[in-house]
Amino acid sequence: MANQGAKKRKEENARHMSNLLRLIIGCNPLRMSSFAAAAAEYVSFAAAADDVIVAYILVRMGFYYSSLSWKHLIGLILTSIAYGIPYKQLASMANPTYTDDGELMDGGFDMSTGGICGYLHDIIYITGFVQITSLISDKFWYTYLVIPAFAAYKASGFIKGFLSHDSEGMEEDENTRKKREKMERKASRPKYAKTRTR
């Protein structure tokens, strides 16, 4: 009965990674039954990615040949990288750890938590959205700007936290000093609770 939680987590992570692989394969323009069968058998990401790239090129060249340009091939490389790096990171986080004698020690990272794990999932989902909608219009590639914009927003808050500590050594003007002293006096006064008597 020991390690039941680890076994459950291992099964959940395997199911979750399989679902992510199905999402990646399903978000590509051409959906074949062989892709779904390969995803169900937990094939490696590289083998499925090769099939997906070939399928994307076939669909782009076959059905949308008139709109094919070098930008689409760059986009294919970009989406392949945007799928590959987060998927590999999530797969390494989901890997269970075993003791020396082969007993399951840890079922892997909980994929339902936020933080980096959530951000990696967001990249995969945004990439899927961009890849599907870019068949409708090339303007949907601008959706990718959400990722660096969000990263800049998070980084600005992080950097602002460091810079605010440096501003304590600066001299304050007279009005700011008076306001601060007034607030300090107000805070140091004893507080009386008003009670209602009948």
N, C-alpha and C. Protein backbone atom coordinates (compact mmCIF):
# COMPACT_ATOMS: atom_id res chain seq x y z
N MET A 1 0.81 -1.20 0.00
CA MET A 1 0.00 0.00 0.00
C MET A 1 0.86 1.27 0.00
N ALA A 2 2.12 1.11 0.36
CA ALA A 2 2.99 2.27 0.32
C ALA A 2 3.19 2.68 -1.13
N ASN A 3 3.38 3.94 -1.37
CA ASN A 3 3.61 4.51 -2.70
C ASN A 3 2.38 4.45 -3.60
N GLN A 4 1.21 4.33 -3.06
CA GLN A 4 0.01 4.36 -3.88
C GLN A 4 -0.14 5.73 -4.56
N GLY A 5 0.21 6.79 -3.82
CA GLY A 5 0.16 8.14 -4.40
C GLY A 5 1.13 8.28 -5.56
N ALA A 6 2.33 7.69 -5.41
CA ALA A 6 3.33 7.77 -6.47
C ALA A 6 2.87 7.00 -7.70
N LYS A 7 2.24 5.83 -7.50
CA LYS A 7 1.74 5.05 -8.63
C LYS A 7 0.62 5.79 -9.35
N LYS A 8 -0.26 6.41 -8.56
CA LYS A 8 -1.36 7.17 -9.15
C LYS A 8 -0.82 8.36 -9.94
N ARG A 9 0.16 9.06 -9.38
CA ARG A 9 0.76 10.21 -10.07
C ARG A 9 1.44 9.76 -11.35
N LYS A 10 2.12 8.62 -11.32
CA LYS A 10 2.80 8.10 -12.52
C LYS A 10 1.77 7.83 -13.62
N GLU A 11 0.64 7.22 -13.26
CA GLU A 11 -0.41 6.94 -14.25
C GLU A 11 -1.03 8.22 -14.78
N GLU A 12 -1.27 9.19 -13.88
CA GLU A 12 -1.83 10.47 -14.30
C GLU A 12 -0.89 11.20 -15.25
N ASN A 13 0.41 11.19 -14.94
CA ASN A 13 1.38 11.86 -15.80
C ASN A 13 1.48 11.20 -17.16
N ALA A 14 1.44 9.85 -17.19
CA ALA A 14 1.48 9.15 -18.48
C ALA A 14 0.25 9.50 -19.31
N ARG A 15 -0.91 9.55 -18.69
CA ARG A 15 -2.14 9.90 -19.40
C ARG A 15 -2.09 11.36 -19.86
N HIS A 16 -1.56 12.24 -19.01
CA HIS A 16 -1.48 13.67 -19.36
C HIS A 16 -0.54 13.89 -20.54
N MET A 17 0.62 13.24 -20.52
CA MET A 17 1.58 13.42 -21.60
C MET A 17 1.02 12.83 -22.90
N SER A 18 0.29 11.74 -22.80
CA SER A 18 -0.36 11.18 -23.99
C SER A 18 -1.39 12.15 -24.56
N ASN A 19 -2.14 12.78 -23.68
CA ASN A 19 -3.13 13.77 -24.14
C ASN A 19 -2.46 14.98 -24.78
N LEU A 20 -1.33 15.41 -24.23
CA LEU A 20 -0.60 16.54 -24.84
C LEU A 20 -0.09 16.17 -26.22
N LEU A 21 0.41 14.94 -26.36
CA LEU A 21 0.89 14.51 -27.66
C LEU A 21 -0.26 14.45 -28.65
N ARG A 22 -1.41 13.98 -28.22
CA ARG A 22 -2.59 13.96 -29.09
C ARG A 22 -2.99 15.39 -29.49
N LEU A 23 -2.90 16.31 -28.55
CA LEU A 23 -3.22 17.71 -28.86
C LEU A 23 -2.27 18.27 -29.91
N ILE A 24 -0.99 17.98 -29.73
CA ILE A 24 0.00 18.48 -30.68
C ILE A 24 -0.27 17.90 -32.07
N ILE A 25 -0.54 16.62 -32.12
CA ILE A 25 -0.81 15.98 -33.40
C ILE A 25 -2.14 16.48 -33.97
N GLY A 26 -3.14 16.64 -33.12
CA GLY A 26 -4.46 17.07 -33.58
C GLY A 26 -4.49 18.51 -34.05
N CYS A 27 -3.61 19.35 -33.55
CA CYS A 27 -3.61 20.76 -33.94
C CYS A 27 -2.93 21.00 -35.27
N ASN A 28 -2.34 19.99 -35.82
CA ASN A 28 -1.70 20.14 -37.10
C ASN A 28 -2.73 20.00 -38.20
N PRO A 29 -2.48 20.61 -39.34
CA PRO A 29 -3.50 20.69 -40.39
C PRO A 29 -4.03 19.36 -40.89
N LEU A 30 -3.22 18.33 -40.95
CA LEU A 30 -3.68 17.06 -41.48
C LEU A 30 -3.75 16.06 -40.33
N ARG A 31 -4.91 15.47 -40.16
CA ARG A 31 -5.10 14.54 -39.06
C ARG A 31 -5.26 13.14 -39.66
N MET A 32 -4.38 12.28 -39.29
CA MET A 32 -4.43 10.93 -39.83
C MET A 32 -4.66 9.95 -38.69
N SER A 33 -5.26 8.82 -38.99
CA SER A 33 -5.52 7.83 -37.95
C SER A 33 -4.22 7.21 -37.45
N SER A 34 -3.19 7.19 -38.27
CA SER A 34 -1.92 6.62 -37.82
C SER A 34 -1.30 7.49 -36.73
N PHE A 35 -1.55 8.82 -36.78
CA PHE A 35 -1.03 9.68 -35.72
C PHE A 35 -1.70 9.36 -34.40
N ALA A 36 -3.01 9.19 -34.42
CA ALA A 36 -3.74 8.89 -33.20
C ALA A 36 -3.31 7.55 -32.64
N ALA A 37 -3.09 6.56 -33.51
CA ALA A 37 -2.64 5.26 -33.04
C ALA A 37 -1.24 5.35 -32.45
N ALA A 38 -0.38 6.15 -33.07
CA ALA A 38 0.97 6.30 -32.54
C ALA A 38 0.96 7.01 -31.20
N ALA A 39 0.08 7.99 -31.04
CA ALA A 39 0.00 8.71 -29.77
C ALA A 39 -0.52 7.80 -28.68
N ALA A 40 -1.44 6.92 -29.01
CA ALA A 40 -2.00 6.01 -28.02
C ALA A 40 -0.95 5.02 -27.53
N GLU A 41 0.04 4.74 -28.36
CA GLU A 41 1.08 3.80 -27.97
C GLU A 41 2.28 4.50 -27.32
N TYR A 42 2.16 5.74 -27.00
CA TYR A 42 3.21 6.51 -26.31
C TYR A 42 4.52 6.53 -27.09
N VAL A 43 4.44 6.88 -28.36
CA VAL A 43 5.66 6.98 -29.15
C VAL A 43 6.43 8.20 -28.71
N SER A 44 7.67 8.23 -29.11
CA SER A 44 8.48 9.38 -28.74
C SER A 44 8.00 10.61 -29.50
N PHE A 45 8.29 11.76 -28.95
CA PHE A 45 7.86 13.01 -29.57
C PHE A 45 8.53 13.22 -30.91
N ALA A 46 9.79 12.81 -31.02
CA ALA A 46 10.53 13.06 -32.26
C ALA A 46 9.90 12.31 -33.43
N ALA A 47 9.49 11.06 -33.22
CA ALA A 47 8.88 10.29 -34.31
C ALA A 47 7.56 10.90 -34.73
N ALA A 48 6.73 11.31 -33.76
CA ALA A 48 5.46 11.93 -34.09
C ALA A 48 5.67 13.30 -34.74
N ALA A 49 6.68 14.03 -34.29
CA ALA A 49 6.94 15.36 -34.85
C ALA A 49 7.36 15.25 -36.31
N ASP A 50 8.14 14.23 -36.65
CA ASP A 50 8.53 14.06 -38.05
C ASP A 50 7.31 13.83 -38.93
N ASP A 51 6.39 12.98 -38.47
CA ASP A 51 5.17 12.73 -39.24
C ASP A 51 4.33 13.99 -39.38
N VAL A 52 4.27 14.78 -38.31
CA VAL A 52 3.48 16.01 -38.32
C VAL A 52 4.07 17.03 -39.29
N ILE A 53 5.39 17.14 -39.31
CA ILE A 53 6.04 18.09 -40.22
C ILE A 53 5.77 17.68 -41.68
N VAL A 54 5.89 16.40 -41.96
CA VAL A 54 5.62 15.93 -43.32
C VAL A 54 4.16 16.21 -43.68
N ALA A 55 3.24 15.97 -42.74
CA ALA A 55 1.82 16.21 -43.01
C ALA A 55 1.55 17.69 -43.25
N TYR A 56 2.18 18.56 -42.46
CA TYR A 56 1.98 20.00 -42.63
C TYR A 56 2.46 20.44 -44.01
N ILE A 57 3.63 19.96 -44.41
CA ILE A 57 4.17 20.34 -45.71
C ILE A 57 3.26 19.84 -46.83
N LEU A 58 2.75 18.60 -46.69
CA LEU A 58 1.85 18.06 -47.72
C LEU A 58 0.57 18.87 -47.83
N VAL A 59 -0.02 19.24 -46.70
CA VAL A 59 -1.26 20.03 -46.74
C VAL A 59 -0.99 21.41 -47.29
N ARG A 60 0.09 22.03 -46.85
CA ARG A 60 0.39 23.39 -47.31
C ARG A 60 0.69 23.39 -48.81
N MET A 61 1.42 22.40 -49.25
CA MET A 61 1.75 22.36 -50.68
C MET A 61 0.58 21.86 -51.52
N GLY A 62 -0.22 20.96 -50.98
CA GLY A 62 -1.30 20.38 -51.75
C GLY A 62 -2.51 21.28 -51.86
N PHE A 63 -3.00 21.78 -50.75
CA PHE A 63 -4.25 22.54 -50.75
C PHE A 63 -4.05 24.05 -50.80
N TYR A 64 -2.97 24.52 -50.19
CA TYR A 64 -2.75 25.97 -50.10
C TYR A 64 -1.47 26.38 -50.83
N TYR A 65 -1.20 25.74 -51.97
CA TYR A 65 0.04 26.00 -52.69
C TYR A 65 0.17 27.46 -53.12
N SER A 66 -0.93 28.08 -53.46
CA SER A 66 -0.85 29.46 -53.96
C SER A 66 -0.41 30.43 -52.88
N SER A 67 -0.63 30.08 -51.63
CA SER A 67 -0.24 30.99 -50.55
C SER A 67 1.04 30.55 -49.84
N LEU A 68 1.71 29.53 -50.34
CA LEU A 68 2.92 29.01 -49.70
C LEU A 68 4.09 29.95 -49.97
N SER A 69 4.83 30.27 -48.92
CA SER A 69 6.02 31.10 -49.07
C SER A 69 7.08 30.62 -48.08
N TRP A 70 8.23 31.22 -48.12
CA TRP A 70 9.30 30.85 -47.21
C TRP A 70 8.91 31.16 -45.77
N LYS A 71 7.99 32.11 -45.58
CA LYS A 71 7.54 32.46 -44.23
C LYS A 71 6.82 31.28 -43.57
N HIS A 72 6.10 30.50 -44.36
CA HIS A 72 5.39 29.36 -43.82
C HIS A 72 6.36 28.27 -43.34
N LEU A 73 7.46 28.12 -44.06
CA LEU A 73 8.46 27.14 -43.62
C LEU A 73 9.15 27.61 -42.35
N ILE A 74 9.41 28.91 -42.25
CA ILE A 74 9.96 29.46 -41.00
C ILE A 74 8.95 29.26 -39.87
N GLY A 75 7.68 29.48 -40.16
CA GLY A 75 6.63 29.26 -39.17
C GLY A 75 6.55 27.81 -38.73
N LEU A 76 6.75 26.89 -39.66
CA LEU A 76 6.75 25.48 -39.32
C LEU A 76 7.90 25.15 -38.38
N ILE A 77 9.05 25.71 -38.65
CA ILE A 77 10.21 25.49 -37.76
C ILE A 77 9.94 26.10 -36.40
N LEU A 78 9.37 27.30 -36.38
CA LEU A 78 9.05 27.97 -35.12
C LEU A 78 8.05 27.17 -34.30
N THR A 79 6.99 26.67 -34.93
CA THR A 79 6.00 25.89 -34.18
C THR A 79 6.57 24.55 -33.73
N SER A 80 7.46 23.97 -34.52
CA SER A 80 8.08 22.71 -34.11
C SER A 80 8.94 22.92 -32.86
N ILE A 81 9.67 24.02 -32.84
CA ILE A 81 10.48 24.34 -31.66
C ILE A 81 9.57 24.68 -30.48
N ALA A 82 8.50 25.42 -30.75
CA ALA A 82 7.57 25.81 -29.68
C ALA A 82 6.80 24.62 -29.13
N TYR A 83 6.66 23.57 -29.89
CA TYR A 83 6.08 22.34 -29.36
C TYR A 83 7.15 21.49 -28.67
N GLY A 84 8.31 21.38 -29.30
CA GLY A 84 9.33 20.45 -28.84
C GLY A 84 9.94 20.79 -27.50
N ILE A 85 10.36 22.02 -27.31
CA ILE A 85 11.03 22.39 -26.06
C ILE A 85 10.10 22.26 -24.85
N PRO A 86 8.90 22.84 -24.87
CA PRO A 86 8.03 22.66 -23.69
C PRO A 86 7.62 21.20 -23.47
N TYR A 87 7.39 20.46 -24.57
CA TYR A 87 6.98 19.06 -24.40
C TYR A 87 8.11 18.25 -23.77
N LYS A 88 9.32 18.44 -24.23
CA LYS A 88 10.47 17.72 -23.64
C LYS A 88 10.65 18.09 -22.17
N GLN A 89 10.49 19.37 -21.84
CA GLN A 89 10.63 19.80 -20.43
C GLN A 89 9.53 19.17 -19.58
N LEU A 90 8.30 19.18 -20.08
CA LEU A 90 7.20 18.56 -19.33
C LEU A 90 7.40 17.06 -19.19
N ALA A 91 7.92 16.42 -20.24
CA ALA A 91 8.17 14.98 -20.17
C ALA A 91 9.23 14.66 -19.13
N SER A 92 10.25 15.49 -19.04
CA SER A 92 11.28 15.24 -18.02
C SER A 92 10.74 15.51 -16.62
N MET A 93 9.82 16.45 -16.49
CA MET A 93 9.21 16.71 -15.18
C MET A 93 8.27 15.57 -14.78
N ALA A 94 7.64 14.93 -15.75
CA ALA A 94 6.67 13.87 -15.48
C ALA A 94 7.33 12.52 -15.23
N ASN A 95 8.62 12.39 -15.52
CA ASN A 95 9.28 11.10 -15.35
C ASN A 95 9.31 10.69 -13.88
N PRO A 96 8.94 9.45 -13.60
CA PRO A 96 9.01 8.96 -12.22
C PRO A 96 10.46 8.62 -11.85
N THR A 97 10.74 8.60 -10.56
CA THR A 97 12.06 8.20 -10.08
C THR A 97 11.93 6.88 -9.34
N TYR A 98 12.96 6.07 -9.49
CA TYR A 98 12.97 4.74 -8.88
C TYR A 98 14.18 4.62 -7.97
N THR A 99 14.07 3.74 -6.99
CA THR A 99 15.20 3.45 -6.11
C THR A 99 16.16 2.53 -6.85
N ASP A 100 17.29 2.20 -6.23
CA ASP A 100 18.28 1.34 -6.86
C ASP A 100 17.76 -0.06 -7.13
N ASP A 101 16.85 -0.54 -6.27
CA ASP A 101 16.32 -1.88 -6.48
C ASP A 101 15.09 -1.90 -7.39
N GLY A 102 14.75 -0.78 -8.02
CA GLY A 102 13.67 -0.73 -9.00
C GLY A 102 12.30 -0.38 -8.43
N GLU A 103 12.23 -0.03 -7.17
CA GLU A 103 10.95 0.33 -6.56
C GLU A 103 10.62 1.79 -6.87
N LEU A 104 9.36 2.04 -7.14
CA LEU A 104 8.92 3.40 -7.46
C LEU A 104 9.04 4.29 -6.24
N MET A 105 9.82 5.37 -6.36
CA MET A 105 10.02 6.28 -5.24
C MET A 105 9.14 7.52 -5.38
N ASP A 106 9.08 8.09 -6.60
CA ASP A 106 8.30 9.29 -6.84
C ASP A 106 7.63 9.16 -8.20
N GLY A 107 6.37 9.56 -8.28
CA GLY A 107 5.62 9.43 -9.52
C GLY A 107 5.87 10.55 -10.51
N GLY A 108 6.69 11.50 -10.19
CA GLY A 108 6.94 12.62 -11.08
C GLY A 108 6.27 13.89 -10.58
N PHE A 109 6.46 14.96 -11.30
CA PHE A 109 5.92 16.27 -10.93
C PHE A 109 4.41 16.30 -11.17
N ASP A 110 3.70 17.01 -10.31
CA ASP A 110 2.25 17.16 -10.50
C ASP A 110 2.00 18.14 -11.63
N MET A 111 1.43 17.66 -12.72
CA MET A 111 1.23 18.47 -13.91
C MET A 111 0.08 19.47 -13.78
N SER A 112 -0.69 19.39 -12.71
CA SER A 112 -1.81 20.31 -12.56
C SER A 112 -1.43 21.57 -11.80
N THR A 113 -0.19 21.68 -11.38
CA THR A 113 0.23 22.88 -10.66
C THR A 113 0.53 24.01 -11.62
N GLY A 114 0.60 25.19 -11.09
CA GLY A 114 0.89 26.38 -11.90
C GLY A 114 2.39 26.58 -12.04
N GLY A 115 2.78 27.82 -12.15
CA GLY A 115 4.20 28.15 -12.27
C GLY A 115 4.74 27.80 -13.63
N ILE A 116 5.97 27.31 -13.66
CA ILE A 116 6.64 26.97 -14.92
C ILE A 116 5.85 25.92 -15.69
N CYS A 117 5.32 24.95 -14.97
CA CYS A 117 4.52 23.90 -15.62
C CYS A 117 3.32 24.51 -16.36
N GLY A 118 2.65 25.44 -15.73
CA GLY A 118 1.52 26.11 -16.36
C GLY A 118 1.93 26.94 -17.56
N TYR A 119 3.08 27.62 -17.46
CA TYR A 119 3.57 28.42 -18.57
C TYR A 119 3.93 27.54 -19.77
N LEU A 120 4.52 26.37 -19.51
CA LEU A 120 4.86 25.46 -20.60
C LEU A 120 3.60 24.95 -21.30
N HIS A 121 2.57 24.67 -20.51
CA HIS A 121 1.29 24.26 -21.11
C HIS A 121 0.71 25.39 -21.96
N ASP A 122 0.81 26.61 -21.46
CA ASP A 122 0.29 27.77 -22.21
C ASP A 122 0.98 27.91 -23.55
N ILE A 123 2.29 27.69 -23.58
CA ILE A 123 3.03 27.79 -24.85
C ILE A 123 2.53 26.74 -25.84
N ILE A 124 2.31 25.53 -25.35
CA ILE A 124 1.81 24.47 -26.23
C ILE A 124 0.41 24.82 -26.75
N TYR A 125 -0.46 25.32 -25.87
CA TYR A 125 -1.83 25.65 -26.29
C TYR A 125 -1.85 26.82 -27.27
N ILE A 126 -1.04 27.84 -27.02
CA ILE A 126 -0.98 28.99 -27.93
C ILE A 126 -0.43 28.56 -29.29
N THR A 127 0.58 27.69 -29.27
CA THR A 127 1.14 27.18 -30.52
C THR A 127 0.10 26.41 -31.32
N GLY A 128 -0.70 25.59 -30.64
CA GLY A 128 -1.76 24.86 -31.32
C GLY A 128 -2.78 25.79 -31.93
N PHE A 129 -3.15 26.83 -31.18
CA PHE A 129 -4.10 27.82 -31.70
C PHE A 129 -3.54 28.52 -32.93
N VAL A 130 -2.29 28.93 -32.85
CA VAL A 130 -1.67 29.65 -33.97
C VAL A 130 -1.57 28.74 -35.18
N GLN A 131 -1.21 27.49 -34.96
CA GLN A 131 -1.03 26.60 -36.10
C GLN A 131 -2.35 26.32 -36.81
N ILE A 132 -3.42 26.14 -36.05
CA ILE A 132 -4.72 25.89 -36.69
C ILE A 132 -5.24 27.14 -37.38
N THR A 133 -5.22 28.26 -36.69
CA THR A 133 -5.81 29.48 -37.25
C THR A 133 -4.96 30.11 -38.35
N SER A 134 -3.67 29.76 -38.42
CA SER A 134 -2.85 30.33 -39.49
C SER A 134 -3.23 29.79 -40.85
N LEU A 135 -3.99 28.70 -40.88
CA LEU A 135 -4.51 28.23 -42.17
C LEU A 135 -5.61 29.14 -42.68
N ILE A 136 -6.31 29.82 -41.76
CA ILE A 136 -7.37 30.75 -42.14
C ILE A 136 -6.77 32.07 -42.62
N SER A 137 -5.88 32.61 -41.79
CA SER A 137 -5.25 33.88 -42.14
C SER A 137 -3.86 33.94 -41.52
N ASP A 138 -2.94 34.53 -42.24
CA ASP A 138 -1.58 34.66 -41.72
C ASP A 138 -1.49 35.69 -40.59
N LYS A 139 -2.51 36.47 -40.40
CA LYS A 139 -2.50 37.48 -39.32
C LYS A 139 -2.53 36.83 -37.93
N PHE A 140 -2.95 35.58 -37.86
CA PHE A 140 -3.00 34.90 -36.56
C PHE A 140 -1.61 34.62 -36.00
N TRP A 141 -0.57 34.76 -36.82
CA TRP A 141 0.78 34.58 -36.31
C TRP A 141 1.12 35.66 -35.28
N TYR A 142 0.42 36.78 -35.34
CA TYR A 142 0.66 37.84 -34.35
C TYR A 142 0.26 37.41 -32.94
N THR A 143 -0.52 36.36 -32.84
CA THR A 143 -0.90 35.85 -31.52
C THR A 143 0.33 35.39 -30.74
N TYR A 144 1.36 34.98 -31.45
CA TYR A 144 2.59 34.58 -30.78
C TYR A 144 3.22 35.71 -29.97
N LEU A 145 2.87 36.94 -30.25
CA LEU A 145 3.41 38.08 -29.51
C LEU A 145 2.92 38.09 -28.06
N VAL A 146 1.88 37.31 -27.77
CA VAL A 146 1.39 37.22 -26.40
C VAL A 146 2.45 36.62 -25.48
N ILE A 147 3.21 35.65 -25.98
CA ILE A 147 4.20 34.96 -25.15
C ILE A 147 5.32 35.91 -24.70
N PRO A 148 6.01 36.63 -25.60
CA PRO A 148 7.04 37.55 -25.11
C PRO A 148 6.46 38.74 -24.35
N ALA A 149 5.23 39.16 -24.69
CA ALA A 149 4.61 40.26 -23.95
C ALA A 149 4.36 39.85 -22.50
N PHE A 150 3.86 38.64 -22.29
CA PHE A 150 3.63 38.16 -20.93
C PHE A 150 4.95 37.97 -20.19
N ALA A 151 5.97 37.47 -20.88
CA ALA A 151 7.29 37.32 -20.26
C ALA A 151 7.86 38.68 -19.85
N ALA A 152 7.68 39.68 -20.70
CA ALA A 152 8.17 41.03 -20.36
C ALA A 152 7.40 41.60 -19.17
N TYR A 153 6.09 41.34 -19.12
CA TYR A 153 5.28 41.80 -18.00
C TYR A 153 5.76 41.17 -16.69
N LYS A 154 6.00 39.87 -16.71
CA LYS A 154 6.48 39.18 -15.51
C LYS A 154 7.88 39.65 -15.13
N ALA A 155 8.73 39.84 -16.13
CA ALA A 155 10.10 40.28 -15.86
C ALA A 155 10.12 41.71 -15.33
N SER A 156 9.22 42.56 -15.82
CA SER A 156 9.21 43.94 -15.32
C SER A 156 8.82 43.98 -13.85
N GLY A 157 7.88 43.14 -13.45
CA GLY A 157 7.53 43.08 -12.03
C GLY A 157 8.68 42.57 -11.19
N PHE A 158 9.42 41.60 -11.72
CA PHE A 158 10.57 41.04 -11.01
C PHE A 158 11.68 42.08 -10.89
N ILE A 159 11.96 42.78 -11.98
CA ILE A 159 13.02 43.80 -11.98
C ILE A 159 12.61 44.99 -11.12
N LYS A 160 11.33 45.37 -11.18
CA LYS A 160 10.86 46.49 -10.39
C LYS A 160 11.02 46.22 -8.89
N GLY A 161 10.88 44.96 -8.50
CA GLY A 161 11.08 44.59 -7.10
C GLY A 161 12.51 44.83 -6.65
N PHE A 162 13.48 44.58 -7.53
CA PHE A 162 14.87 44.83 -7.18
C PHE A 162 15.18 46.32 -7.19
N LEU A 163 14.60 47.06 -8.13
CA LEU A 163 14.92 48.49 -8.25
C LEU A 163 14.28 49.31 -7.13
N SER A 164 13.19 48.86 -6.58
CA SER A 164 12.53 49.64 -5.54
C SER A 164 13.35 49.68 -4.26
N HIS A 165 14.19 48.67 -4.03
CA HIS A 165 15.03 48.68 -2.84
C HIS A 165 16.17 49.68 -2.98
N ASP A 166 16.60 49.91 -4.19
CA ASP A 166 17.68 50.87 -4.41
C ASP A 166 17.22 52.31 -4.22
N SER A 167 15.95 52.58 -4.34
CA SER A 167 15.46 53.95 -4.24
C SER A 167 15.34 54.43 -2.81
N GLU A 168 15.57 53.56 -1.81
CA GLU A 168 15.47 53.98 -0.43
C GLU A 168 16.58 54.95 -0.05
N GLY A 169 17.73 54.86 -0.69
CA GLY A 169 18.84 55.73 -0.36
C GLY A 169 18.71 57.12 -0.96
N MET A 170 17.73 57.36 -1.80
CA MET A 170 17.58 58.66 -2.44
C MET A 170 17.01 59.67 -1.44
N GLU A 171 17.36 60.93 -1.64
CA GLU A 171 16.82 61.98 -0.79
C GLU A 171 15.39 62.28 -1.18
N GLU A 172 14.55 62.52 -0.16
CA GLU A 172 13.16 62.83 -0.45
C GLU A 172 12.95 64.34 -0.31
N ASP A 173 12.02 64.87 -1.04
CA ASP A 173 11.75 66.29 -0.97
C ASP A 173 10.98 66.60 0.31
N GLU A 174 10.77 67.88 0.58
CA GLU A 174 10.17 68.30 1.86
C GLU A 174 8.72 67.84 2.00
N ASN A 175 7.94 67.93 0.94
CA ASN A 175 6.54 67.49 1.02
C ASN A 175 6.43 65.99 1.30
N THR A 176 7.24 65.21 0.65
CA THR A 176 7.21 63.77 0.88
C THR A 176 7.64 63.44 2.30
N ARG A 177 8.64 64.15 2.80
CA ARG A 177 9.11 63.93 4.17
C ARG A 177 8.02 64.26 5.18
N LYS A 178 7.32 65.38 4.95
CA LYS A 178 6.25 65.78 5.87
C LYS A 178 5.11 64.77 5.86
N LYS A 179 4.76 64.28 4.69
CA LYS A 179 3.70 63.27 4.59
C LYS A 179 4.09 62.00 5.33
N ARG A 180 5.34 61.59 5.14
CA ARG A 180 5.81 60.38 5.79
C ARG A 180 5.80 60.54 7.31
N GLU A 181 6.27 61.69 7.80
CA GLU A 181 6.28 61.92 9.25
C GLU A 181 4.86 61.97 9.81
N LYS A 182 3.94 62.57 9.09
CA LYS A 182 2.55 62.62 9.53
C LYS A 182 1.95 61.22 9.61
N MET A 183 2.22 60.41 8.62
CA MET A 183 1.72 59.03 8.64
C MET A 183 2.33 58.23 9.79
N GLU A 184 3.61 58.48 10.07
CA GLU A 184 4.24 57.78 11.19
C GLU A 184 3.63 58.20 12.52
N ARG A 185 3.35 59.51 12.69
CA ARG A 185 2.70 59.98 13.92
C ARG A 185 1.31 59.39 14.07
N LYS A 186 0.59 59.36 12.95
CA LYS A 186 -0.76 58.81 12.98
C LYS A 186 -0.74 57.33 13.32
N ALA A 187 0.24 56.63 12.82
CA ALA A 187 0.33 55.19 13.09
C ALA A 187 0.74 54.91 14.53
N SER A 188 1.49 55.84 15.14
CA SER A 188 1.96 55.60 16.51
C SER A 188 0.93 55.97 17.57
N ARG A 189 -0.14 56.66 17.20
CA ARG A 189 -1.19 56.99 18.17
C ARG A 189 -1.88 55.73 18.65
N PRO A 190 -2.30 55.73 19.92
CA PRO A 190 -3.05 54.56 20.40
C PRO A 190 -4.42 54.52 19.74
N LYS A 191 -4.83 53.33 19.46
CA LYS A 191 -6.12 53.15 18.81
C LYS A 191 -7.13 52.70 19.85
N TYR A 192 -8.24 53.38 19.85
CA TYR A 192 -9.32 53.03 20.76
C TYR A 192 -10.45 52.43 19.95
N ALA A 193 -10.96 51.36 20.49
CA ALA A 193 -12.09 50.73 19.81
C ALA A 193 -13.36 51.35 20.32
N LYS A 194 -14.20 51.78 19.41
CA LYS A 194 -15.45 52.35 19.79
C LYS A 194 -16.44 51.22 20.03
N THR A 195 -17.02 51.27 21.21
CA THR A 195 -18.02 50.25 21.52
C THR A 195 -19.34 50.93 21.70
N ARG A 196 -20.32 50.21 21.45
CA ARG A 196 -21.66 50.76 21.56
C ARG A 196 -22.27 50.24 22.85
N THR A 197 -22.70 51.19 23.69
CA THR A 197 -23.33 50.79 24.95
C THR A 197 -24.79 51.14 24.91
N ARG A 198 -25.58 50.33 25.59
CA ARG A 198 -27.02 50.59 25.63
C ARG A 198 -27.43 51.10 26.96
